[in-house]
Protein backbone atom coordinates (compact mmCIF):
# COMPACT_ATOMS: atom_id res chain seq x y z
CA MET A 1 -84.08 -37.66 98.65
CA THR A 2 -83.54 -34.43 96.77
CA ASP A 3 -86.34 -32.13 95.78
CA PRO A 4 -86.43 -31.81 91.95
CA SER A 5 -87.79 -28.26 92.18
CA HIS A 6 -84.50 -27.14 93.78
CA ASP A 7 -82.25 -28.75 91.19
CA THR A 8 -81.03 -26.04 88.91
CA GLU A 9 -79.01 -26.63 85.82
CA LEU A 10 -77.24 -23.70 84.25
CA ILE A 11 -78.25 -23.26 80.66
CA ASP A 12 -75.39 -20.89 79.88
CA PRO A 13 -71.84 -21.21 81.20
CA ILE A 14 -70.66 -18.81 83.90
CA TRP A 15 -68.28 -16.98 81.56
CA LEU A 16 -71.17 -16.16 79.25
CA ARG A 17 -73.28 -14.84 82.11
CA VAL A 18 -70.39 -12.65 83.27
CA ALA A 19 -69.90 -11.35 79.73
CA HIS A 20 -73.60 -10.48 79.45
CA TRP A 21 -73.57 -8.60 82.76
CA LEU A 22 -70.44 -6.71 81.69
CA ASN A 23 -72.25 -5.78 78.49
CA ALA A 24 -75.23 -4.56 80.56
CA LEU A 25 -72.83 -2.44 82.62
CA ALA A 26 -71.31 -1.08 79.40
CA VAL A 27 -74.76 -0.11 78.10
CA GLY A 28 -75.45 1.79 81.34
CA ILE A 29 -72.14 3.63 81.05
CA LEU A 30 -72.81 4.38 77.38
CA ALA A 31 -76.23 5.82 78.21
CA THR A 32 -75.14 8.01 81.12
CA SER A 33 -71.99 9.31 79.45
CA GLY A 34 -73.92 9.81 76.21
CA TRP A 35 -76.42 12.03 78.02
CA LEU A 36 -73.59 14.32 79.12
CA ILE A 37 -72.16 14.36 75.59
CA TYR A 38 -75.64 15.23 74.30
CA ASN A 39 -75.97 18.05 76.87
CA ALA A 40 -72.88 19.70 75.37
CA SER A 41 -74.77 20.35 72.14
CA PRO A 42 -78.47 19.52 72.51
CA PHE A 43 -80.33 18.97 69.27
CA PHE A 44 -83.77 19.00 70.86
CA ASP A 45 -85.05 21.14 73.72
CA VAL A 46 -84.13 18.43 76.24
CA LYS A 47 -81.38 18.58 78.85
CA PHE A 48 -80.48 15.65 81.09
CA PRO A 49 -79.86 16.44 84.78
CA LYS A 50 -76.18 16.46 85.71
CA ALA A 51 -76.91 14.05 88.58
CA ILE A 52 -77.72 11.20 86.17
CA THR A 53 -74.82 11.77 83.77
CA LEU A 54 -71.35 10.26 83.94
CA GLY A 55 -68.04 11.97 83.32
CA GLY A 56 -68.31 15.36 85.01
CA TRP A 57 -67.31 17.32 81.91
CA LEU A 58 -67.34 16.71 78.17
CA GLY A 59 -63.84 15.21 77.97
CA GLY A 60 -64.51 12.86 80.88
CA ALA A 61 -67.81 11.75 79.37
CA ILE A 62 -66.11 10.98 76.07
CA GLN A 63 -63.44 8.92 77.87
CA TRP A 64 -66.10 6.92 79.74
CA HIS A 65 -68.01 6.47 76.48
CA PHE A 66 -64.99 5.09 74.62
CA ALA A 67 -64.07 2.81 77.54
CA ALA A 68 -67.60 1.37 77.58
CA MET A 69 -67.54 0.86 73.81
CA TRP A 70 -64.27 -1.02 74.17
CA LEU A 71 -65.71 -3.16 76.98
CA ALA A 72 -68.87 -3.99 75.04
CA SER A 73 -67.09 -4.83 71.81
CA ALA A 74 -64.40 -6.91 73.54
CA PHE A 75 -66.91 -9.32 75.01
CA GLU A 76 -69.33 -9.40 72.12
CA SER A 77 -66.87 -10.51 69.49
CA ARG A 78 -64.89 -13.04 71.55
CA GLY A 79 -67.53 -15.35 72.95
CA ASP A 80 -69.81 -15.90 70.00
CA GLU A 81 -67.09 -16.68 67.50
CA SER A 82 -65.22 -19.30 69.49
CA CYS A 83 -67.64 -20.92 71.91
CA ALA A 84 -71.05 -21.24 70.29
CA PRO A 85 -71.15 -24.08 67.75
CA ALA A 86 -74.94 -23.90 67.43
CA TRP A 87 -74.63 -20.25 66.45
CA LYS A 88 -72.07 -21.17 63.80
CA ARG A 89 -74.33 -23.88 62.40
CA ASN A 90 -77.23 -21.44 62.14
CA ILE A 91 -75.09 -18.90 60.33
CA ALA A 92 -73.77 -21.54 57.93
CA ARG A 93 -77.30 -22.70 57.22
CA ARG A 94 -78.44 -19.14 56.56
CA GLU A 95 -75.50 -18.51 54.23
CA ASN A 96 -76.33 -21.64 52.24
CA ASP A 97 -79.99 -20.64 52.03
CA HIS A 98 -78.93 -17.21 50.84
CA ALA A 99 -76.74 -18.75 48.15
CA LEU A 100 -79.65 -20.86 46.95
CA ASP A 101 -81.95 -17.83 46.93
CA THR A 102 -79.42 -15.79 44.99
CA ARG A 103 -78.94 -18.57 42.45
CA SER A 104 -82.67 -18.99 41.91
CA GLU A 105 -83.10 -15.21 41.65
CA LEU A 106 -80.49 -15.12 38.91
CA LEU A 107 -82.15 -17.94 37.02
CA VAL A 108 -85.65 -16.49 37.25
CA THR A 109 -85.18 -12.74 36.95
CA SER A 110 -82.40 -12.41 34.41
CA LYS A 111 -81.90 -13.49 30.84
CA LEU A 112 -78.72 -15.49 31.29
CA PRO A 113 -77.29 -17.62 28.52
CA ALA A 114 -78.39 -21.26 28.71
CA GLU A 115 -74.82 -22.44 29.22
CA LEU A 116 -74.39 -20.24 32.30
CA CYS A 117 -77.74 -21.42 33.67
CA ARG A 118 -76.55 -25.03 33.45
CA VAL A 119 -73.40 -24.13 35.40
CA LEU A 120 -75.41 -22.38 38.11
CA ARG A 121 -77.76 -25.32 38.55
């Protein structure tokens, strides 16, 4: 007999978990390379230690920064659009609610001609 406390069911698919961890890695790269970019022209009286920055010099930090932005944006836009039907339903519902709110705002707050109000209803 199997122990139910050891049965684990994945809520998210593996590809989504990998994409999230790659995004976490990208955020770490963005932060550490961004600190070196900031050190090149500090706005406040704060300097980040070179040991916790990434890139070695300003040009290298900018290259790491752009690579991490590419990595983060590549995974963010691909997964949600094609593989999350619940997300799409929620967006569609919100868009419809927004359309209803906009229509009622027009009817209440403006002095539209009666004929146009009938069309909007």
